[in-house]
N, C-alpha and C. Protein backbone atom coordinates (compact mmCIF):
# COMPACT_ATOMS: atom_id res chain seq x y z
N MET A 1 0.88 -1.07 0.09
CA MET A 1 -0.04 -0.07 0.07
C MET A 1 0.80 1.29 -0.03
N TYR A 2 0.48 2.36 -0.84
CA TYR A 2 1.20 3.44 -0.67
C TYR A 2 0.70 4.69 0.06
N PRO A 3 1.37 5.62 0.34
CA PRO A 3 0.86 6.90 1.11
C PRO A 3 -0.68 7.24 0.20
N GLN A 4 -1.31 7.91 0.67
CA GLN A 4 -2.55 8.16 0.07
C GLN A 4 -2.95 9.76 0.32
N GLU A 5 -3.24 10.31 -0.83
CA GLU A 5 -3.67 11.84 -0.77
C GLU A 5 -5.01 11.68 -1.19
N LEU A 6 -5.79 12.49 -0.31
CA LEU A 6 -7.23 12.68 -0.52
C LEU A 6 -7.73 14.06 -1.29
N VAL A 7 -8.60 13.80 -2.31
CA VAL A 7 -9.04 15.05 -2.95
C VAL A 7 -10.57 14.96 -3.19
N CYS A 8 -11.19 16.08 -3.24
CA CYS A 8 -12.49 16.17 -3.34
C CYS A 8 -12.87 17.23 -4.25
N SER A 9 -13.30 16.98 -5.56
CA SER A 9 -13.61 18.27 -6.56
C SER A 9 -14.88 18.68 -6.51
N VAL A 10 -15.15 19.95 -6.51
CA VAL A 10 -16.61 20.32 -6.40
C VAL A 10 -16.77 21.82 -7.50
N LYS A 11 -17.98 22.15 -7.49
CA LYS A 11 -18.20 23.22 -8.25
C LYS A 11 -17.56 24.58 -7.62
N PRO A 12 -17.20 25.50 -8.64
CA PRO A 12 -16.69 26.65 -7.79
C PRO A 12 -17.60 27.18 -6.92
N GLY A 13 -17.08 27.79 -5.92
CA GLY A 13 -17.71 28.35 -4.90
C GLY A 13 -18.28 27.32 -3.66
N GLN A 14 -17.97 25.96 -3.86
CA GLN A 14 -18.40 24.94 -2.97
C GLN A 14 -17.04 24.41 -2.40
N ASP A 15 -16.14 25.16 -2.54
CA ASP A 15 -14.71 24.56 -1.65
C ASP A 15 -14.87 24.31 -0.38
N GLY A 16 -15.71 24.68 0.34
CA GLY A 16 -15.95 24.54 1.66
C GLY A 16 -16.40 23.24 2.10
N ALA A 17 -17.43 22.77 1.33
CA ALA A 17 -18.03 21.49 1.39
C ALA A 17 -16.80 20.39 0.91
N ALA A 18 -15.98 20.66 0.09
CA ALA A 18 -14.97 19.74 -0.31
C ALA A 18 -13.87 19.69 0.89
N LEU A 19 -13.58 20.73 1.29
CA LEU A 19 -12.64 20.76 2.71
C LEU A 19 -13.31 19.92 3.95
N TYR A 20 -14.65 20.20 4.05
CA TYR A 20 -15.17 19.28 5.20
C TYR A 20 -15.43 17.90 4.64
N ILE A 21 -15.56 17.61 3.35
CA ILE A 21 -15.88 16.10 3.13
C ILE A 21 -14.21 15.39 3.28
N VAL A 22 -13.33 16.19 2.96
CA VAL A 22 -11.74 15.56 2.95
C VAL A 22 -11.36 15.31 4.53
N ARG A 23 -11.74 16.53 5.38
CA ARG A 23 -11.39 16.47 6.58
C ARG A 23 -12.06 15.32 7.32
N ALA A 24 -13.49 15.17 6.99
CA ALA A 24 -14.25 14.15 7.94
C ALA A 24 -13.85 12.80 7.44
N THR A 25 -13.52 12.51 6.29
CA THR A 25 -13.04 11.43 5.75
C THR A 25 -11.72 11.07 6.11
N LEU A 26 -10.97 11.84 6.37
CA LEU A 26 -9.38 11.88 6.94
C LEU A 26 -9.57 11.25 8.28
N GLU A 27 -10.58 11.92 9.30
CA GLU A 27 -10.90 11.61 10.77
C GLU A 27 -11.36 10.18 10.79
N LEU A 28 -12.04 9.52 9.83
CA LEU A 28 -12.31 8.12 9.60
C LEU A 28 -11.07 7.43 9.42
N VAL A 29 -10.49 7.88 8.49
CA VAL A 29 -9.21 6.94 8.21
C VAL A 29 -8.42 6.90 9.59
N LEU A 30 -7.98 8.00 10.26
CA LEU A 30 -7.05 8.03 11.31
C LEU A 30 -7.73 7.12 12.42
N GLN A 31 -9.06 7.13 12.74
CA GLN A 31 -9.78 6.50 13.82
C GLN A 31 -9.60 4.92 13.35
N SER A 32 -10.02 4.56 12.23
CA SER A 32 -9.69 3.05 11.83
C SER A 32 -8.43 2.75 11.54
N ARG A 33 -7.59 3.60 11.49
CA ARG A 33 -6.07 3.17 11.08
C ARG A 33 -5.97 2.29 9.88
N ARG A 34 -6.87 2.75 9.15
CA ARG A 34 -6.83 1.88 7.61
C ARG A 34 -7.07 2.78 6.60
N GLY A 35 -6.13 2.68 5.39
CA GLY A 35 -6.38 3.51 4.43
C GLY A 35 -8.03 3.11 3.53
N LEU A 36 -7.84 3.92 2.48
CA LEU A 36 -9.00 3.80 1.66
C LEU A 36 -8.79 2.81 0.48
N VAL A 37 -9.89 2.39 0.03
CA VAL A 37 -9.90 1.45 -1.33
C VAL A 37 -10.55 2.13 -2.36
N ASN A 38 -10.18 1.85 -3.53
CA ASN A 38 -11.03 2.33 -4.52
C ASN A 38 -12.51 1.57 -4.52
N ASN A 39 -13.51 2.18 -5.02
CA ASN A 39 -14.79 1.77 -4.95
C ASN A 39 -15.45 1.40 -3.64
N GLN A 40 -14.73 2.18 -2.70
CA GLN A 40 -15.12 2.12 -1.33
C GLN A 40 -16.51 3.06 -1.29
N ILE A 41 -17.47 2.60 -0.59
CA ILE A 41 -18.54 3.56 -0.21
C ILE A 41 -18.78 3.95 1.24
N ILE A 42 -18.60 5.22 1.85
CA ILE A 42 -18.78 5.53 2.95
C ILE A 42 -19.90 6.29 3.30
N PRO A 43 -21.03 5.61 3.81
CA PRO A 43 -22.22 6.15 4.20
C PRO A 43 -22.04 6.90 5.41
N ASN A 44 -23.10 7.88 5.55
CA ASN A 44 -23.12 8.73 6.80
C ASN A 44 -24.24 8.51 7.40
N GLY A 45 -25.65 8.17 6.63
CA GLY A 45 -26.76 7.87 7.34
C GLY A 45 -27.63 9.04 7.58
N GLN A 46 -27.10 10.09 7.50
CA GLN A 46 -27.76 11.45 7.51
C GLN A 46 -26.95 12.35 6.52
N PRO A 47 -27.59 13.64 6.06
CA PRO A 47 -26.62 14.61 5.27
C PRO A 47 -25.25 14.86 5.75
N LEU A 48 -24.22 15.08 5.44
CA LEU A 48 -22.92 15.36 5.70
C LEU A 48 -22.78 16.92 6.05
N LEU A 49 -23.48 17.44 4.81
CA LEU A 49 -23.51 18.91 4.54
C LEU A 49 -24.68 19.60 4.71
N ALA A 50 -24.86 20.83 5.46
CA ALA A 50 -26.04 21.24 5.57
C ALA A 50 -26.91 21.73 4.57
N ARG A 51 -28.09 21.70 4.49
CA ARG A 51 -28.88 22.12 3.29
C ARG A 51 -28.50 21.30 2.20
N THR A 52 -28.04 20.15 2.06
CA THR A 52 -27.83 19.36 0.91
C THR A 52 -28.45 17.76 1.01
N ASP A 53 -28.26 17.04 0.25
CA ASP A 53 -28.69 15.54 0.40
C ASP A 53 -27.59 14.72 0.18
N ILE A 54 -26.28 15.38 0.40
CA ILE A 54 -24.94 14.62 0.30
C ILE A 54 -25.17 13.84 1.78
N SER A 55 -24.93 12.47 1.47
CA SER A 55 -25.02 11.61 2.58
C SER A 55 -23.89 10.34 2.53
N GLY A 56 -22.88 10.59 1.82
CA GLY A 56 -21.91 9.50 1.97
C GLY A 56 -20.89 9.99 0.63
N VAL A 57 -19.68 9.24 0.78
CA VAL A 57 -18.88 9.39 -0.36
C VAL A 57 -18.53 7.94 -1.06
N LEU A 58 -18.19 8.28 -2.32
CA LEU A 58 -17.60 7.11 -3.03
C LEU A 58 -16.27 7.46 -3.30
N VAL A 59 -15.26 6.28 -2.82
CA VAL A 59 -13.67 6.62 -3.05
C VAL A 59 -13.48 6.00 -4.34
N GLY A 60 -12.91 6.75 -5.21
CA GLY A 60 -12.54 6.12 -6.62
C GLY A 60 -11.72 6.92 -7.45
N THR A 61 -11.63 6.62 -8.63
CA THR A 61 -10.95 7.58 -9.48
C THR A 61 -11.50 8.68 -9.82
N HIS A 62 -10.78 9.77 -10.13
CA HIS A 62 -11.58 11.04 -10.47
C HIS A 62 -12.57 10.91 -11.78
N PRO A 63 -13.86 11.28 -11.44
CA PRO A 63 -14.54 11.36 -12.46
C PRO A 63 -14.47 11.93 -13.78
N TYR A 64 -13.48 13.03 -13.66
CA TYR A 64 -13.62 13.65 -15.04
C TYR A 64 -11.89 13.94 -15.46
N LEU A 65 -11.07 13.22 -14.74
CA LEU A 65 -9.87 13.31 -15.21
C LEU A 65 -9.08 11.99 -15.60
N GLU A 66 -8.14 11.98 -16.36
CA GLU A 66 -7.42 10.86 -16.63
C GLU A 66 -6.96 9.80 -15.51
N ASP A 67 -6.83 8.65 -15.71
CA ASP A 67 -6.55 7.65 -14.76
C ASP A 67 -5.31 7.88 -14.10
N THR A 68 -4.44 8.68 -14.86
CA THR A 68 -3.08 9.00 -14.44
C THR A 68 -2.98 10.07 -13.14
N PHE A 69 -4.21 10.68 -12.92
CA PHE A 69 -4.43 11.71 -11.83
C PHE A 69 -4.34 10.86 -10.61
N SER A 70 -4.47 9.54 -10.58
CA SER A 70 -4.72 8.76 -9.41
C SER A 70 -3.45 8.20 -8.75
N VAL A 71 -2.28 8.57 -9.58
CA VAL A 71 -1.08 7.89 -9.16
C VAL A 71 0.15 8.91 -9.24
N VAL A 72 0.78 9.13 -8.23
CA VAL A 72 1.98 10.26 -8.11
C VAL A 72 3.27 9.38 -8.36
N PHE A 73 3.97 9.57 -9.38
CA PHE A 73 5.19 8.80 -9.44
C PHE A 73 6.48 9.94 -9.35
N ASP A 74 7.56 9.32 -9.07
CA ASP A 74 8.82 10.08 -8.90
C ASP A 74 9.46 10.05 -10.45
N GLY A 75 10.54 10.67 -10.50
CA GLY A 75 11.45 10.70 -11.58
C GLY A 75 11.66 9.45 -12.39
N GLU A 76 11.76 8.37 -11.76
CA GLU A 76 12.18 6.97 -12.17
C GLU A 76 10.70 6.21 -12.27
N ARG A 77 9.71 6.75 -12.45
CA ARG A 77 8.21 6.17 -12.33
C ARG A 77 7.93 5.16 -11.37
N ARG A 78 8.49 5.42 -10.26
CA ARG A 78 8.38 4.59 -8.95
C ARG A 78 7.03 5.23 -8.38
N VAL A 79 6.02 4.60 -7.82
CA VAL A 79 4.83 5.02 -7.05
C VAL A 79 5.19 5.79 -5.96
N LEU A 80 4.93 7.19 -5.61
CA LEU A 80 5.14 7.84 -4.27
C LEU A 80 3.76 7.78 -3.55
N ALA A 81 2.76 7.93 -4.18
CA ALA A 81 1.24 7.87 -3.62
C ALA A 81 0.38 7.89 -4.56
N GLU A 82 -1.00 7.42 -3.81
CA GLU A 82 -2.18 7.33 -4.52
C GLU A 82 -3.14 8.42 -4.38
N THR A 83 -3.65 8.98 -5.40
CA THR A 83 -4.66 10.03 -4.87
C THR A 83 -6.14 9.23 -5.16
N MET A 84 -6.60 9.44 -3.99
CA MET A 84 -7.95 8.89 -3.84
C MET A 84 -9.20 10.11 -3.71
N THR A 85 -9.87 9.96 -4.72
CA THR A 85 -10.90 10.93 -4.87
C THR A 85 -12.19 10.61 -4.26
N LEU A 86 -12.45 11.67 -3.41
CA LEU A 86 -13.87 11.46 -2.74
C LEU A 86 -15.07 11.99 -3.37
N ILE A 87 -15.90 11.24 -3.89
CA ILE A 87 -17.13 11.76 -4.69
C ILE A 87 -18.23 11.84 -3.94
N PRO A 88 -18.76 13.10 -3.54
CA PRO A 88 -19.92 12.91 -2.92
C PRO A 88 -21.04 12.39 -3.39
N LEU A 89 -21.95 11.67 -2.48
CA LEU A 89 -23.04 10.88 -2.97
C LEU A 89 -24.32 11.24 -2.27
N THR A 90 -25.52 11.48 -3.03
CA THR A 90 -26.75 11.70 -2.37
C THR A 90 -27.24 10.47 -1.72
N SER A 91 -28.29 10.70 -0.85
CA SER A 91 -28.91 9.57 -0.20
C SER A 91 -29.48 8.37 -1.10
N LYS A 92 -29.78 8.82 -2.14
CA LYS A 92 -30.40 7.99 -2.86
C LYS A 92 -29.33 7.07 -3.67
N GLU A 93 -28.18 7.93 -3.96
CA GLU A 93 -26.94 6.99 -4.55
C GLU A 93 -26.28 5.99 -3.47
N VAL A 94 -26.39 6.57 -2.15
CA VAL A 94 -25.86 5.56 -1.09
C VAL A 94 -26.65 4.62 -1.01
N ALA A 95 -28.19 4.82 -0.97
CA ALA A 95 -29.02 3.67 -0.89
C ALA A 95 -28.97 2.50 -2.29
N ARG A 96 -28.80 3.08 -3.37
CA ARG A 96 -28.52 2.45 -4.54
C ARG A 96 -27.28 1.53 -4.30
N ALA A 97 -26.26 1.78 -3.72
CA ALA A 97 -24.97 1.14 -3.67
C ALA A 97 -25.11 -0.01 -2.50
N GLY A 98 -25.89 0.62 -1.57
CA GLY A 98 -26.45 -0.65 -0.32
C GLY A 98 -27.19 -1.58 -0.86
N ALA A 99 -28.04 -1.57 -1.87
CA ALA A 99 -28.88 -2.37 -2.32
C ALA A 99 -28.22 -3.25 -3.57
N ALA A 100 -27.44 -2.35 -4.43
CA ALA A 100 -26.96 -3.17 -5.53
C ALA A 100 -25.65 -3.56 -5.46
N GLY A 101 -24.45 -2.73 -4.69
CA GLY A 101 -23.39 -2.88 -4.61
C GLY A 101 -22.67 -1.50 -5.17
N ALA A 102 -21.33 -1.39 -4.97
CA ALA A 102 -20.67 -0.20 -5.59
C ALA A 102 -20.56 -0.12 -6.73
N ASP A 103 -20.11 -1.37 -7.66
CA ASP A 103 -20.16 -1.49 -8.90
C ASP A 103 -21.31 -1.14 -9.68
N ALA A 104 -22.44 -1.38 -9.28
CA ALA A 104 -23.79 -1.18 -9.84
C ALA A 104 -23.84 0.47 -9.77
N LEU A 105 -23.65 0.94 -8.66
CA LEU A 105 -23.62 2.40 -8.54
C LEU A 105 -22.76 2.94 -9.43
N ILE A 106 -21.45 2.78 -9.51
CA ILE A 106 -20.70 3.32 -10.46
C ILE A 106 -21.07 3.15 -11.93
N ASP A 107 -21.52 1.93 -12.31
CA ASP A 107 -22.33 1.65 -13.74
C ASP A 107 -23.52 2.98 -13.81
N PHE A 108 -24.29 2.81 -12.84
CA PHE A 108 -25.52 4.12 -12.98
C PHE A 108 -24.81 5.34 -12.94
N LEU A 109 -23.95 5.58 -12.31
CA LEU A 109 -23.41 6.95 -12.32
C LEU A 109 -22.85 7.36 -13.57
N GLU A 110 -22.07 6.34 -14.36
CA GLU A 110 -21.55 6.72 -15.65
C GLU A 110 -22.52 6.80 -16.79
N GLU A 111 -23.56 5.86 -16.44
CA GLU A 111 -24.77 5.86 -17.43
C GLU A 111 -25.58 7.24 -17.38
N ALA A 112 -26.17 7.60 -16.20
CA ALA A 112 -26.91 8.92 -15.82
C ALA A 112 -26.11 10.22 -15.91
N ASP A 113 -24.76 10.03 -15.63
CA ASP A 113 -23.81 11.22 -15.78
C ASP A 113 -24.43 12.34 -14.80
N PRO A 114 -24.63 12.35 -13.76
CA PRO A 114 -25.27 13.31 -12.79
C PRO A 114 -24.12 14.30 -12.89
N PRO A 115 -24.31 15.66 -12.26
CA PRO A 115 -23.34 16.70 -11.92
C PRO A 115 -22.63 16.49 -10.43
N LEU A 116 -21.57 15.17 -10.55
CA LEU A 116 -20.80 14.88 -9.50
C LEU A 116 -20.16 16.13 -8.89
N LEU A 117 -19.99 17.13 -9.42
CA LEU A 117 -19.15 18.06 -8.81
C LEU A 117 -20.11 19.06 -7.93
N ASP A 118 -21.43 18.97 -8.19
CA ASP A 118 -22.26 19.65 -7.53
C ASP A 118 -22.87 19.15 -6.15
N VAL A 119 -22.48 19.58 -5.04
CA VAL A 119 -22.98 19.02 -3.65
C VAL A 119 -24.25 19.44 -3.43
N THR A 120 -24.99 20.51 -4.11
CA THR A 120 -26.46 20.70 -4.03
C THR A 120 -27.46 19.77 -5.17
N ARG A 121 -26.65 18.67 -5.45
CA ARG A 121 -27.71 17.99 -6.62
C ARG A 121 -28.58 17.04 -5.66
N MET A 122 -29.81 16.73 -6.13
CA MET A 122 -30.66 16.02 -5.39
C MET A 122 -30.63 14.49 -6.08
């Protein structure tokens, strides 16, 4: 396992939400003393962010950047760190993952193409 960097991309003006999601996830990682894995769903059971329906996160590759964004190499192409992207999920998306699994949710998100960077989506 490599050192991990956490990132959460959001729409302009929602950077406070991204910071909160990263900090809350980091606290979970530190408490559990375990790193994150790709396609991991972290449900919260209630909205994470006030006045939103964001109730969990999907840990994975960045939804809009090349896969190379997920790995940091040194000059000799040795892996230095993994970039773990935290994708905010609505309560419906968390429920879908709970019922059908993370892979089914990912397939759904790829097909439906919701605005994943908007924490105010429903």
